[in-house]
PDB file of N, CA and C in Angstrom:
ATOM      1  N   MET A   1     -75.286  13.416  36.154  1.00  0.00           N
ATOM      2  CA  MET A   1     -73.809  14.148  36.442  1.00  0.00           C
ATOM      3  C   MET A   1     -73.334  15.307  35.819  1.00  0.00           C
ATOM      4  N   PHE A   2     -72.774  16.056  36.322  1.00  0.00           N
ATOM      5  CA  PHE A   2     -71.506  17.093  35.979  1.00  0.00           C
ATOM      6  C   PHE A   2     -70.361  16.619  34.772  1.00  0.00           C
ATOM      7  N   ARG A   3     -70.000  17.303  34.016  1.00  0.00           N
ATOM      8  CA  ARG A   3     -69.641  16.626  33.304  1.00  0.00           C
ATOM      9  C   ARG A   3     -68.819  18.665  32.793  1.00  0.00           C
ATOM     10  N   LEU A   4     -67.455  18.503  32.150  1.00  0.00           N
ATOM     11  CA  LEU A   4     -66.752  19.514  31.463  1.00  0.00           C
ATOM     12  C   LEU A   4     -65.846  18.963  30.239  1.00  0.00           C
ATOM     13  N   VAL A   5     -66.608  19.492  29.326  1.00  0.00           N
ATOM     14  CA  VAL A   5     -66.009  19.218  28.063  1.00  0.00           C
ATOM     15  C   VAL A   5     -65.632  20.002  26.565  1.00  0.00           C
ATOM     16  N   ILE A   6     -64.404  19.930  27.040  1.00  0.00           N
ATOM     17  CA  ILE A   6     -63.847  20.804  25.718  1.00  0.00           C
ATOM     18  C   ILE A   6     -63.632  19.963  24.367  1.00  0.00           C
ATOM     19  N   SER A   7     -64.265  20.705  23.495  1.00  0.00           N
ATOM     20  CA  SER A   7     -64.539  20.183  21.892  1.00  0.00           C
ATOM     21  C   SER A   7     -64.727  20.653  21.141  1.00  0.00           C
ATOM     22  N   GLU A   8     -63.872  20.409  20.094  1.00  0.00           N
ATOM     23  CA  GLU A   8     -63.529  21.747  18.589  1.00  0.00           C
ATOM     24  C   GLU A   8     -64.992  22.762  18.761  1.00  0.00           C
ATOM     25  N   ASP A   9     -66.513  22.458  19.314  1.00  0.00           N
ATOM     26  CA  ASP A   9     -67.378  22.866  19.393  1.00  0.00           C
ATOM     27  C   ASP A   9     -67.906  23.492  20.460  1.00  0.00           C
ATOM     28  N   ALA A  10     -67.274  23.671  21.293  1.00  0.00           N
ATOM     29  CA  ALA A  10     -67.273  24.472  22.480  1.00  0.00           C
ATOM     30  C   ALA A  10     -67.571  26.050  23.067  1.00  0.00           C
ATOM     31  N   ASN A  11     -69.456  25.755  22.443  1.00  0.00           N
ATOM     32  CA  ASN A  11     -69.513  27.728  22.774  1.00  0.00           C
ATOM     33  C   ASN A  11     -68.264  28.365  24.214  1.00  0.00           C
ATOM     34  N   GLY A  12     -69.010  29.782  24.338  1.00  0.00           N
ATOM     35  CA  GLY A  12     -68.442  30.459  25.640  1.00  0.00           C
ATOM     36  C   GLY A  12     -68.951  29.659  27.231  1.00  0.00           C
ATOM     37  N   LYS A  13     -70.150  29.476  27.307  1.00  0.00           N
ATOM     38  CA  LYS A  13     -70.865  28.567  28.636  1.00  0.00           C
ATOM     39  C   LYS A  13     -70.146  27.294  28.546  1.00  0.00           C
ATOM     40  N   ASP A  14     -70.135  26.803  27.492  1.00  0.00           N
ATOM     41  CA  ASP A  14     -68.962  25.459  27.678  1.00  0.00           C
ATOM     42  C   ASP A  14     -68.058  25.327  28.480  1.00  0.00           C
ATOM     43  N   LEU A  15     -67.475  26.339  27.990  1.00  0.00           N
ATOM     44  CA  LEU A  15     -65.374  26.679  28.777  1.00  0.00           C
ATOM     45  C   LEU A  15     -65.466  27.841  29.876  1.00  0.00           C
ATOM     46  N   ALA A  16     -66.731  28.210  29.712  1.00  0.00           N
ATOM     47  CA  ALA A  16     -67.261  29.746  31.126  1.00  0.00           C
ATOM     48  C   ALA A  16     -66.353  29.295  32.651  1.00  0.00           C
ATOM     49  N   PRO A  17     -66.708  27.263  32.609  1.00  0.00           N
ATOM     50  CA  PRO A  17     -65.862  26.531  33.982  1.00  0.00           C
ATOM     51  C   PRO A  17     -64.710  26.758  34.079  1.00  0.00           C
ATOM     52  N   LEU A  18     -63.925  26.682  32.936  1.00  0.00           N
ATOM     53  CA  LEU A  18     -62.662  25.968  33.372  1.00  0.00           C
ATOM     54  C   LEU A  18     -61.850  27.399  32.934  1.00  0.00           C
ATOM     55  N   ALA A  19     -62.438  28.629  32.153  1.00  0.00           N
ATOM     56  CA  ALA A  19     -62.097  30.267  32.115  1.00  0.00           C
ATOM     57  C   ALA A  19     -62.036  30.668  33.497  1.00  0.00           C
ATOM     58  N   LEU A  20     -62.969  30.537  34.035  1.00  0.00           N
ATOM     59  CA  LEU A  20     -63.007  30.903  35.562  1.00  0.00           C
ATOM     60  C   LEU A  20     -62.913  30.686  37.054  1.00  0.00           C
ATOM     61  N   THR A  21     -62.007  29.486  36.328  1.00  0.00           N
ATOM     62  CA  THR A  21     -61.120  28.693  37.426  1.00  0.00           C
ATOM     63  C   THR A  21     -59.720  28.668  37.151  1.00  0.00           C
ATOM     64  N   ILE A  22     -59.118  29.150  36.028  1.00  0.00           N
ATOM     65  CA  ILE A  22     -57.530  29.421  35.938  1.00  0.00           C
ATOM     66  C   ILE A  22     -57.903  31.203  36.056  1.00  0.00           C
ATOM     67  N   HIS A  23     -58.833  31.586  35.784  1.00  0.00           N
ATOM     68  CA  HIS A  23     -58.597  33.161  36.083  1.00  0.00           C
ATOM     69  C   HIS A  23     -58.827  33.235  37.977  1.00  0.00           C
ATOM     70  N   GLN A  24     -58.992  32.316  38.184  1.00  0.00           N
ATOM     71  CA  GLN A  24     -59.812  32.604  39.813  1.00  0.00           C
ATOM     72  C   GLN A  24     -58.417  32.092  40.386  1.00  0.00           C
ATOM     73  N   VAL A  25     -57.139  31.206  39.554  1.00  0.00           N
ATOM     74  CA  VAL A  25     -55.831  30.590  40.171  1.00  0.00           C
ATOM     75  C   VAL A  25     -54.616  32.209  39.754  1.00  0.00           C
ATOM     76  N   ILE A  26     -54.998  32.024  39.044  1.00  0.00           N
ATOM     77  CA  ILE A  26     -54.042  33.330  37.933  1.00  0.00           C
ATOM     78  C   ILE A  26     -54.178  35.284  38.182  1.00  0.00           C
ATOM     79  N   LYS A  27     -55.518  34.907  38.340  1.00  0.00           N
ATOM     80  CA  LYS A  27     -55.381  36.258  38.576  1.00  0.00           C
ATOM     81  C   LYS A  27     -55.363  37.285  37.660  1.00  0.00           C
ATOM     82  N   LEU A  28     -55.605  36.568  36.273  1.00  0.00           N
ATOM     83  CA  LEU A  28     -55.033  37.548  34.723  1.00  0.00           C
ATOM     84  C   LEU A  28     -56.270  37.658  34.098  1.00  0.00           C
ATOM     85  N   PRO A  29     -57.023  38.379  33.454  1.00  0.00           N
ATOM     86  CA  PRO A  29     -57.614  37.856  32.101  1.00  0.00           C
ATOM     87  C   PRO A  29     -56.898  36.936  31.398  1.00  0.00           C
ATOM     88  N   ILE A  30     -58.032  35.890  30.784  1.00  0.00           N
ATOM     89  CA  ILE A  30     -57.902  34.789  30.217  1.00  0.00           C
ATOM     90  C   ILE A  30     -59.427  34.615  29.038  1.00  0.00           C
ATOM     91  N   THR A  31     -58.714  33.648  27.735  1.00  0.00           N
ATOM     92  CA  THR A  31     -59.829  34.180  26.812  1.00  0.00           C
ATOM     93  C   THR A  31     -59.855  32.898  26.797  1.00  0.00           C
ATOM     94  N   ILE A  32     -60.410  32.435  25.907  1.00  0.00           N
ATOM     95  CA  ILE A  32     -60.571  30.786  25.358  1.00  0.00           C
ATOM     96  C   ILE A  32     -61.645  30.380  24.153  1.00  0.00           C
ATOM     97  N   ARG A  33     -61.590  29.483  22.712  1.00  0.00           N
ATOM     98  CA  ARG A  33     -62.611  29.555  22.423  1.00  0.00           C
ATOM     99  C   ARG A  33     -61.683  28.337  21.537  1.00  0.00           C
ATOM    100  N   SER A  34     -62.712  27.456  20.655  1.00  0.00           N
ATOM    101  CA  SER A  34     -63.013  26.601  19.943  1.00  0.00           C
ATOM    102  C   SER A  34     -62.411  26.527  19.078  1.00  0.00           C
ATOM    103  N   LEU A  35     -62.582  26.135  18.248  1.00  0.00           N
ATOM    104  CA  LEU A  35     -62.030  25.289  16.957  1.00  0.00           C
ATOM    105  C   LEU A  35     -62.985  26.067  15.753  1.00  0.00           C
ATOM    106  N   ARG A  36     -64.491  25.391  15.875  1.00  0.00           N
ATOM    107  CA  ARG A  36     -65.559  26.216  15.534  1.00  0.00           C
ATOM    108  C   ARG A  36     -66.043  27.307  16.386  1.00  0.00           C
ATOM    109  N   MET A  37     -66.281  27.674  17.280  1.00  0.00           N
ATOM    110  CA  MET A  37     -67.366  28.055  18.195  1.00  0.00           C
ATOM    111  C   MET A  37     -66.442  29.349  18.791  1.00  0.00           C
ATOM    112  N   PRO A  38     -66.764  30.908  18.975  1.00  0.00           N
ATOM    113  CA  PRO A  38     -66.542  32.139  19.762  1.00  0.00           C
ATOM    114  C   PRO A  38     -66.253  31.115  21.043  1.00  0.00           C
ATOM    115  N   GLY A  39     -65.679  32.018  21.936  1.00  0.00           N
ATOM    116  CA  GLY A  39     -65.044  30.933  23.425  1.00  0.00           C
ATOM    117  C   GLY A  39     -65.692  32.550  24.057  1.00  0.00           C
ATOM    118  N   ILE A  40     -64.889  32.905  25.037  1.00  0.00           N
ATOM    119  CA  ILE A  40     -65.293  33.392  26.659  1.00  0.00           C
ATOM    120  C   ILE A  40     -64.045  34.228  27.030  1.00  0.00           C
ATOM    121  N   ARG A  41     -64.196  35.500  27.774  1.00  0.00           N
ATOM    122  CA  ARG A  41     -63.317  36.530  28.382  1.00  0.00           C
ATOM    123  C   ARG A  41     -63.948  36.853  29.286  1.00  0.00           C
ATOM    124  N   VAL A  42     -62.307  36.765  30.079  1.00  0.00           N
ATOM    125  CA  VAL A  42     -63.149  36.833  31.666  1.00  0.00           C
ATOM    126  C   VAL A  42     -62.154  37.876  32.174  1.00  0.00           C
ATOM    127  N   GLU A  43     -62.019  39.292  32.933  1.00  0.00           N
ATOM    128  CA  GLU A  43     -61.167  39.771  33.452  1.00  0.00           C
ATOM    129  C   GLU A  43     -62.118  40.346  34.942  1.00  0.00           C
ATOM    130  N   ASN A  44     -61.420  39.983  36.378  1.00  0.00           N
ATOM    131  CA  ASN A  44     -61.466  40.727  37.186  1.00  0.00           C
ATOM    132  C   ASN A  44     -62.679  40.133  37.659  1.00  0.00           C
ATOM    133  N   GLY A  45     -62.540  38.935  37.883  1.00  0.00           N
ATOM    134  CA  GLY A  45     -63.313  37.798  38.463  1.00  0.00           C
ATOM    135  C   GLY A  45     -64.893  37.376  37.828  1.00  0.00           C
ATOM    136  N   LYS A  46     -65.151  38.054  36.183  1.00  0.00           N
ATOM    137  CA  LYS A  46     -66.424  38.243  35.386  1.00  0.00           C
ATOM    138  C   LYS A  46     -66.380  38.070  34.700  1.00  0.00           C
ATOM    139  N   ILE A  47     -67.133  37.119  33.670  1.00  0.00           N
ATOM    140  CA  ILE A  47     -66.985  36.818  32.753  1.00  0.00           C
ATOM    141  C   ILE A  47     -67.457  38.570  31.937  1.00  0.00           C
ATOM    142  N   VAL A  48     -66.717  39.465  30.903  1.00  0.00           N
ATOM    143  CA  VAL A  48     -67.293  40.419  29.972  1.00  0.00           C
ATOM    144  C   VAL A  48     -67.217  40.109  28.938  1.00  0.00           C
ATOM    145  N   ASP A  49     -67.531  38.684  27.818  1.00  0.00           N
ATOM    146  CA  ASP A  49     -67.900  38.745  26.775  1.00  0.00           C
ATOM    147  C   ASP A  49     -68.031  36.934  26.922  1.00  0.00           C
ATOM    148  N   ILE A  50     -68.694  36.679  26.013  1.00  0.00           N
ATOM    149  CA  ILE A  50     -69.752  34.929  25.924  1.00  0.00           C
ATOM    150  C   ILE A  50     -69.407  34.480  24.509  1.00  0.00           C
ATOM    151  N   SER A  51     -69.112  35.726  23.954  1.00  0.00           N
ATOM    152  CA  SER A  51     -69.211  35.250  21.826  1.00  0.00           C
ATOM    153  C   SER A  51     -67.511  35.854  21.855  1.00  0.00           C
ATOM    154  N   TYR A  52     -66.316  35.508  22.179  1.00  0.00           N
ATOM    155  CA  TYR A  52     -65.387  36.433  21.910  1.00  0.00           C
ATOM    156  C   TYR A  52     -64.436  35.174  20.694  1.00  0.00           C
ATOM    157  N   SER A  53     -63.753  36.082  20.034  1.00  0.00           N
ATOM    158  CA  SER A  53     -62.844  35.763  19.432  1.00  0.00           C
ATOM    159  C   SER A  53     -61.703  37.012  19.263  1.00  0.00           C
ATOM    160  N   GLY A  54     -60.209  36.425  19.316  1.00  0.00           N
ATOM    161  CA  GLY A  54     -59.698  37.699  18.866  1.00  0.00           C
ATOM    162  C   GLY A  54     -58.313  37.044  17.660  1.00  0.00           C
ATOM    163  N   PRO A  55     -57.608  37.779  17.042  1.00  0.00           N
ATOM    164  CA  PRO A  55     -56.297  37.595  16.190  1.00  0.00           C
ATOM    165  C   PRO A  55     -55.530  36.479  16.193  1.00  0.00           C
ATOM    166  N   VAL A  56     -55.319  36.604  18.165  1.00  0.00           N
ATOM    167  CA  VAL A  56     -54.125  35.754  17.778  1.00  0.00           C
ATOM    168  C   VAL A  56     -54.917  34.284  18.517  1.00  0.00           C
ATOM    169  N   LEU A  57     -56.083  34.422  19.333  1.00  0.00           N
ATOM    170  CA  LEU A  57     -56.299  32.638  19.653  1.00  0.00           C
ATOM    171  C   LEU A  57     -56.991  32.643  17.694  1.00  0.00           C
ATOM    172  N   GLU A  58     -57.217  33.127  17.004  1.00  0.00           N
ATOM    173  CA  GLU A  58     -57.461  32.294  15.464  1.00  0.00           C
ATOM    174  C   GLU A  58     -56.356  32.179  15.112  1.00  0.00           C
ATOM    175  N   GLU A  59     -55.566  32.792  15.118  1.00  0.00           N
ATOM    176  CA  GLU A  59     -53.691  32.257  14.640  1.00  0.00           C
ATOM    177  C   GLU A  59     -53.466  30.764  15.427  1.00  0.00           C
ATOM    178  N   VAL A  60     -53.519  31.012  16.801  1.00  0.00           N
ATOM    179  CA  VAL A  60     -53.304  29.560  17.008  1.00  0.00           C
ATOM    180  C   VAL A  60     -53.950  28.583  16.702  1.00  0.00           C
ATOM    181  N   LEU A  61     -55.156  29.015  16.655  1.00  0.00           N
ATOM    182  CA  LEU A  61     -56.687  27.811  15.484  1.00  0.00           C
ATOM    183  C   LEU A  61     -55.574  27.117  14.921  1.00  0.00           C
ATOM    184  N   ARG A  62     -55.617  28.623  14.053  1.00  0.00           N
ATOM    185  CA  ARG A  62     -54.614  27.766  12.681  1.00  0.00           C
ATOM    186  C   ARG A  62     -53.632  27.291  12.131  1.00  0.00           C
ATOM    187  N   THR A  63     -52.701  27.683  13.019  1.00  0.00           N
ATOM    188  CA  THR A  63     -51.332  26.807  13.039  1.00  0.00           C
ATOM    189  C   THR A  63     -50.897  25.633  14.299  1.00  0.00           C
ATOM    190  N   GLY A  64     -51.683  25.589  15.382  1.00  0.00           N
ATOM    191  CA  GLY A  64     -51.792  24.684  16.055  1.00  0.00           C
ATOM    192  C   GLY A  64     -50.156  24.676  17.149  1.00  0.00           C
ATOM    193  N   LYS A  65     -50.018  26.462  17.470  1.00  0.00           N
ATOM    194  CA  LYS A  65     -48.721  26.874  17.961  1.00  0.00           C
ATOM    195  C   LYS A  65     -48.808  27.655  18.303  1.00  0.00           C
ATOM    196  N   PRO A  66     -48.322  27.222  19.883  1.00  0.00           N
ATOM    197  CA  PRO A  66     -48.046  28.698  21.410  1.00  0.00           C
ATOM    198  C   PRO A  66     -47.834  30.019  20.372  1.00  0.00           C
ATOM    199  N   ILE A  67     -48.106  31.217  21.102  1.00  0.00           N
ATOM    200  CA  ILE A  67     -47.814  32.263  20.339  1.00  0.00           C
ATOM    201  C   ILE A  67     -47.663  33.026  21.837  1.00  0.00           C
ATOM    202  N   ARG A  68     -46.764  34.706  21.597  1.00  0.00           N
ATOM    203  CA  ARG A  68     -45.967  35.575  22.519  1.00  0.00           C
ATOM    204  C   ARG A  68     -45.738  36.495  20.874  1.00  0.00           C
ATOM    205  N   THR A  69     -46.999  37.704  21.442  1.00  0.00           N
ATOM    206  CA  THR A  69     -47.104  38.571  20.815  1.00  0.00           C
ATOM    207  C   THR A  69     -47.376  40.299  21.893  1.00  0.00           C
ATOM    208  N   ILE A  70     -47.569  40.755  20.901  1.00  0.00           N
ATOM    209  CA  ILE A  70     -48.283  42.027  21.259  1.00  0.00           C
ATOM    210  C   ILE A  70     -49.800  42.526  19.988  1.00  0.00           C
ATOM    211  N   PRO A  71     -50.960  41.678  20.182  1.00  0.00           N
ATOM    212  CA  PRO A  71     -52.189  42.146  19.194  1.00  0.00           C
ATOM    213  C   PRO A  71     -51.670  43.393  18.318  1.00  0.00           C
ATOM    214  N   SER A  72     -52.364  43.925  17.235  1.00  0.00           N
ATOM    215  CA  SER A  72     -52.048  44.917  16.584  1.00  0.00           C
ATOM    216  C   SER A  72     -53.321  45.463  16.482  1.00  0.00           C
ATOM    217  N   SER A  73     -54.830  44.387  16.593  1.00  0.00           N
ATOM    218  CA  SER A  73     -55.728  45.116  16.792  1.00  0.00           C
ATOM    219  C   SER A  73     -57.039  43.849  18.121  1.00  0.00           C
ATOM    220  N   GLY A  74     -58.159  43.645  17.954  1.00  0.00           N
ATOM    221  CA  GLY A  74     -59.034  43.267  19.025  1.00  0.00           C
ATOM    222  C   GLY A  74     -58.389  43.892  20.599  1.00  0.00           C
ATOM    223  N   ALA A  75     -59.507  43.563  21.039  1.00  0.00           N
ATOM    224  CA  ALA A  75     -59.840  43.480  22.759  1.00  0.00           C
ATOM    225  C   ALA A  75     -58.129  44.050  23.846  1.00  0.00           C
ATOM    226  N   TYR A  76     -57.085  43.215  23.728  1.00  0.00           N
ATOM    227  CA  TYR A  76     -56.084  43.150  23.325  1.00  0.00           C
ATOM    228  C   TYR A  76     -55.046  44.339  22.366  1.00  0.00           C
ATOM    229  N   ARG A  77     -55.515  44.348  22.195  1.00  0.00           N
ATOM    230  CA  ARG A  77     -54.778  45.649  21.051  1.00  0.00           C
ATOM    231  C   ARG A  77     -53.262  46.431  22.314  1.00  0.00           C
ATOM    232  N   GLY A  78     -52.595  45.968  21.785  1.00  0.00           N
ATOM    233  CA  GLY A  78     -51.216  46.550  22.086  1.00  0.00           C
ATOM    234  C   GLY A  78     -50.992  46.365  23.700  1.00  0.00           C
ATOM    235  N   VAL A  79     -51.410  45.089  24.054  1.00  0.00           N
ATOM    236  CA  VAL A  79     -51.103  44.703  25.245  1.00  0.00           C
ATOM    237  C   VAL A  79     -50.501  43.169  25.065  1.00  0.00           C
ATOM    238  N   PRO A  80     -49.128  43.146  25.505  1.00  0.00           N
ATOM    239  CA  PRO A  80     -48.378  41.228  25.755  1.00  0.00           C
ATOM    240  C   PRO A  80     -49.536  40.005  25.880  1.00  0.00           C
ATOM    241  N   VAL A  81     -49.748  39.166  25.062  1.00  0.00           N
ATOM    242  CA  VAL A  81     -50.352  38.249  25.126  1.00  0.00           C
ATOM    243  C   VAL A  81     -50.203  37.316  25.349  1.00  0.00           C
ATOM    244  N   SER A  82     -49.961  35.939  25.383  1.00  0.00           N
ATOM    245  CA  SER A  82     -49.627  34.730  25.509  1.00  0.00           C
ATOM    246  C   SER A  82     -50.978  33.506  24.983  1.00  0.00           C
ATOM    247  N   VAL A  83     -50.875  32.572  24.084  1.00  0.00           N
ATOM    248  CA  VAL A  83     -51.488  31.908  23.611  1.00  0.00           C
ATOM    249  C   VAL A  83     -51.336  30.685  23.120  1.00  0.00           C
ATOM    250  N   ALA A  84     -51.807  29.560  23.698  1.00  0.00           N
ATOM    251  CA  ALA A  84     -51.186  27.536  23.318  1.00  0.00           C
ATOM    252  C   ALA A  84     -52.032  27.342  22.010  1.00  0.00           C
ATOM    253  N   PRO A  85     -52.403  26.258  21.980  1.00  0.00           N
ATOM    254  CA  PRO A  85     -53.366  25.210  21.672  1.00  0.00           C
ATOM    255  C   PRO A  85     -53.423  24.321  22.815  1.00  0.00           C
ATOM    256  N   ILE A  86     -54.978  23.544  22.635  1.00  0.00           N
ATOM    257  CA  ILE A  86     -55.669  22.597  23.356  1.00  0.00           C
ATOM    258  C   ILE A  86     -55.391  21.798  22.661  1.00  0.00           C
ATOM    259  N   ILE A  87     -54.989  20.575  22.526  1.00  0.00           N
ATOM    260  CA  ILE A  87     -54.931  19.793  20.991  1.00  0.00           C
ATOM    261  C   ILE A  87     -54.680  17.999  21.633  1.00  0.00           C
ATOM    262  N   ILE A  88     -55.815  17.931  21.389  1.00  0.00           N
ATOM    263  CA  ILE A  88     -56.167  16.440  21.579  1.00  0.00           C
ATOM    264  C   ILE A  88     -55.749  15.632  20.303  1.00  0.00           C
ATOM    265  N   GLN A  89     -55.297  14.352  20.228  1.00  0.00           N
ATOM    266  CA  GLN A  89     -55.262  13.588  19.457  1.00  0.00           C
ATOM    267  C   GLN A  89     -54.741  13.981  18.250  1.00  0.00           C
ATOM    268  N   GLU A  90     -53.893  14.691  18.355  1.00  0.00           N
ATOM    269  CA  GLU A  90     -52.557  15.917  17.595  1.00  0.00           C
ATOM    270  C   GLU A  90     -53.321  16.675  16.471  1.00  0.00           C
ATOM    271  N   LYS A  91     -54.537  17.447  16.837  1.00  0.00           N
ATOM    272  CA  LYS A  91     -55.429  18.026  16.787  1.00  0.00           C
ATOM    273  C   LYS A  91     -55.836  18.878  17.740  1.00  0.00           C
ATOM    274  N   THR A  92     -55.735  19.998  16.944  1.00  0.00           N
ATOM    275  CA  THR A  92     -55.998  21.670  17.988  1.00  0.00           C
ATOM    276  C   THR A  92     -57.543  22.086  18.219  1.00  0.00           C
ATOM    277  N   ILE A  93     -58.232  21.485  19.424  1.00  0.00           N
ATOM    278  CA  ILE A  93     -59.714  22.185  19.148  1.00  0.00           C
ATOM    279  C   ILE A  93     -59.455  23.429  19.772  1.00  0.00           C
ATOM    280  N   ALA A  94     -59.081  23.522  20.588  1.00  0.00           N
ATOM    281  CA  ALA A  94     -59.183  25.478  20.528  1.00  0.00           C
ATOM    282  C   ALA A  94     -58.300  26.292  21.693  1.00  0.00           C
ATOM    283  N   ALA A  95     -58.044  27.241  21.705  1.00  0.00           N
ATOM    284  CA  ALA A  95     -56.866  28.339  22.143  1.00  0.00           C
ATOM    285  C   ALA A  95     -57.280  28.519  23.516  1.00  0.00           C
ATOM    286  N   LEU A  96     -56.475  28.660  23.804  1.00  0.00           N
ATOM    287  CA  LEU A  96     -56.230  29.310  25.481  1.00  0.00           C
ATOM    288  C   LEU A  96     -55.506  30.738  25.120  1.00  0.00           C
ATOM    289  N   GLY A  97     -55.642  32.033  26.470  1.00  0.00           N
ATOM    290  CA  GLY A  97     -54.572  33.167  26.048  1.00  0.00           C
ATOM    291  C   GLY A  97     -54.863  33.641  27.274  1.00  0.00           C
ATOM    292  N   VAL A  98     -53.574  34.552  27.389  1.00  0.00           N
ATOM    293  CA  VAL A  98     -53.625  34.808  28.947  1.00  0.00           C
ATOM    294  C   VAL A  98     -53.091  36.326  28.532  1.00  0.00           C
ATOM    295  N   VAL A  99     -53.247  37.738  29.294  1.00  0.00           N
ATOM    296  CA  VAL A  99     -52.274  38.447  29.554  1.00  0.00           C
ATOM    297  C   VAL A  99     -51.161  38.162  29.741  1.00  0.00           C
ATOM    298  N   ASP A 100     -50.100  38.335  28.746  1.00  0.00           N
ATOM    299  CA  ASP A 100     -48.407  38.072  29.508  1.00  0.00           C
ATOM    300  C   ASP A 100     -48.013  39.323  30.480  1.00  0.00           C
ATOM    301  N   LEU A 101     -47.726  39.034  31.699  1.00  0.00           N
ATOM    302  CA  LEU A 101     -47.125  40.312  32.191  1.00  0.00           C
ATOM    303  C   LEU A 101     -45.710  40.268  31.986  1.00  0.00           C
ATOM    304  N   VAL A 102     -45.579  39.336  32.185  1.00  0.00           N
ATOM    305  CA  VAL A 102     -43.739  38.770  32.941  1.00  0.00           C
ATOM    306  C   VAL A 102     -42.752  38.184  31.579  1.00  0.00           C
ATOM    307  N   GLY A 103     -43.998  38.325  30.059  1.00  0.00           N
ATOM    308  CA  GLY A 103     -42.792  38.427  29.346  1.00  0.00           C
ATOM    309  C   GLY A 103     -42.320  40.060  28.824  1.00  0.00           C
ATOM    310  N   THR A 104     -42.146  41.336  29.668  1.00  0.00           N
ATOM    311  CA  THR A 104     -42.132  42.004  29.056  1.00  0.00           C
ATOM    312  C   THR A 104     -42.156  42.925  29.830  1.00  0.00           C
ATOM    313  N   ILE A 105     -42.501  42.765  31.243  1.00  0.00           N
ATOM    314  CA  ILE A 105     -41.416  43.414  32.614  1.00  0.00           C
ATOM    315  C   ILE A 105     -41.020  43.160  33.354  1.00  0.00           C
ATOM    316  N   ASP A 106     -40.556  43.979  34.113  1.00  0.00           N
ATOM    317  CA  ASP A 106     -39.684  43.317  34.769  1.00  0.00           C
ATOM    318  C   ASP A 106     -40.469  43.342  36.850  1.00  0.00           C
ATOM    319  N   MET A 107     -39.908  41.898  37.603  1.00  0.00           N
ATOM    320  CA  MET A 107     -40.736  41.083  38.251  1.00  0.00           C
ATOM    321  C   MET A 107     -40.767  42.547  39.041  1.00  0.00           C
ATOM    322  N   PRO A 108     -40.619  43.155  39.742  1.00  0.00           N
ATOM    323  CA  PRO A 108     -40.359  44.544  40.830  1.00  0.00           C
ATOM    324  C   PRO A 108     -41.620  45.790  40.486  1.00  0.00           C
ATOM    325  N   ASP A 109     -42.335  45.690  39.149  1.00  0.00           N
ATOM    326  CA  ASP A 109     -43.661  46.101  37.950  1.00  0.00           C
ATOM    327  C   ASP A 109     -44.689  45.458  37.802  1.00  0.00           C
ATOM    328  N   VAL A 110     -44.280  43.993  38.185  1.00  0.00           N
ATOM    329  CA  VAL A 110     -45.843  43.259  38.210  1.00  0.00           C
ATOM    330  C   VAL A 110     -47.141  43.405  38.579  1.00  0.00           C
ATOM    331  N   PHE A 111     -47.002  43.778  40.095  1.00  0.00           N
ATOM    332  CA  PHE A 111     -48.286  44.902  40.403  1.00  0.00           C
ATOM    333  C   PHE A 111     -48.811  45.887  40.143  1.00  0.00           C
ATOM    334  N   SER A 112     -47.912  46.797  40.208  1.00  0.00           N
ATOM    335  CA  SER A 112     -48.726  48.146  39.535  1.00  0.00           C
ATOM    336  C   SER A 112     -48.913  48.158  37.722  1.00  0.00           C
ATOM    337  N   ALA A 113     -47.657  47.202  37.384  1.00  0.00           N
ATOM    338  CA  ALA A 113     -48.550  47.165  35.871  1.00  0.00           C
ATOM    339  C   ALA A 113     -49.626  46.907  35.469  1.00  0.00           C
ATOM    340  N   TYR A 114     -49.581  45.081  36.490  1.00  0.00           N
ATOM    341  CA  TYR A 114     -51.559  44.416  35.817  1.00  0.00           C
ATOM    342  C   TYR A 114     -52.416  45.764  35.783  1.00  0.00           C
ATOM    343  N   VAL A 115     -52.667  46.813  37.207  1.00  0.00           N
ATOM    344  CA  VAL A 115     -53.917  48.187  37.095  1.00  0.00           C
ATOM    345  C   VAL A 115     -53.781  48.785  35.486  1.00  0.00           C
ATOM    346  N   ASP A 116     -52.803  49.164  35.112  1.00  0.00           N
ATOM    347  CA  ASP A 116     -52.520  49.302  33.967  1.00  0.00           C
ATOM    348  C   ASP A 116     -52.439  49.082  32.679  1.00  0.00           C
ATOM    349  N   VAL A 117     -52.439  47.354  32.456  1.00  0.00           N
ATOM    350  CA  VAL A 117     -52.924  46.748  32.002  1.00  0.00           C
ATOM    351  C   VAL A 117     -54.224  46.487  31.755  1.00  0.00           C
ATOM    352  N   LEU A 118     -54.979  46.320  32.853  1.00  0.00           N
ATOM    353  CA  LEU A 118     -56.322  46.329  32.927  1.00  0.00           C
ATOM    354  C   LEU A 118     -57.258  47.700  32.587  1.00  0.00           C
ATOM    355  N   ARG A 119     -56.867  49.168  32.735  1.00  0.00           N
ATOM    356  CA  ARG A 119     -57.418  49.753  32.589  1.00  0.00           C
ATOM    357  C   ARG A 119     -57.232  49.711  30.867  1.00  0.00           C
ATOM    358  N   GLN A 120     -55.864  49.766  30.235  1.00  0.00           N
ATOM    359  CA  GLN A 120     -55.883  49.920  28.976  1.00  0.00           C
ATOM    360  C   GLN A 120     -56.871  48.974  28.297  1.00  0.00           C
ATOM    361  N   VAL A 121     -57.156  47.729  28.975  1.00  0.00           N
ATOM    362  CA  VAL A 121     -58.248  46.679  28.251  1.00  0.00           C
ATOM    363  C   VAL A 121     -59.380  47.538  27.910  1.00  0.00           C
ATOM    364  N   SER A 122     -59.663  48.226  29.351  1.00  0.00           N
ATOM    365  CA  SER A 122     -61.155  48.508  29.070  1.00  0.00           C
ATOM    366  C   SER A 122     -61.146  49.469  27.925  1.00  0.00           C
ATOM    367  N   GLU A 123     -60.313  50.491  27.609  1.00  0.00           N
ATOM    368  CA  GLU A 123     -60.154  51.632  27.452  1.00  0.00           C
ATOM    369  C   GLU A 123     -59.999  51.188  25.922  1.00  0.00           C
ATOM    370  N   ASN A 124     -59.643  49.694  25.703  1.00  0.00           N
ATOM    371  CA  ASN A 124     -59.989  49.372  24.078  1.00  0.00           C
ATOM    372  C   ASN A 124     -61.224  49.009  23.384  1.00  0.00           C
ATOM    373  N   ARG A 125     -62.298  48.470  24.721  1.00  0.00           N
ATOM    374  CA  ARG A 125     -63.065  48.066  24.386  1.00  0.00           C
ATOM    375  C   ARG A 125     -63.881  49.001  23.609  1.00  0.00           C
TER     376      ARG A 125
END
């Protein structure tokens, strides 16, 4: 039997199916990590980091509250992101993040800005 389990101890490999699925639906970079283990970063349909963490993911894990911001460090430095906690029985067990294009640009600019965001993220690695 196959099973997808999200727990506070899930690692990048455990979270990969979920991250890849969400990425396929929204076509934006996705990050997800659990409370106790680094997670995964997915861009352009591929896993680019299987042991990922970032400052906003870590802040959401600490506070249990969603955050929309532009990080000053990490792989998405200078790129708008939106990160939300995954909460089970009132405990934050993981955090999921996405590049937040809608929060900072006009809808007509979305398609052209997406390419620029991916290029900028690639340059920050």
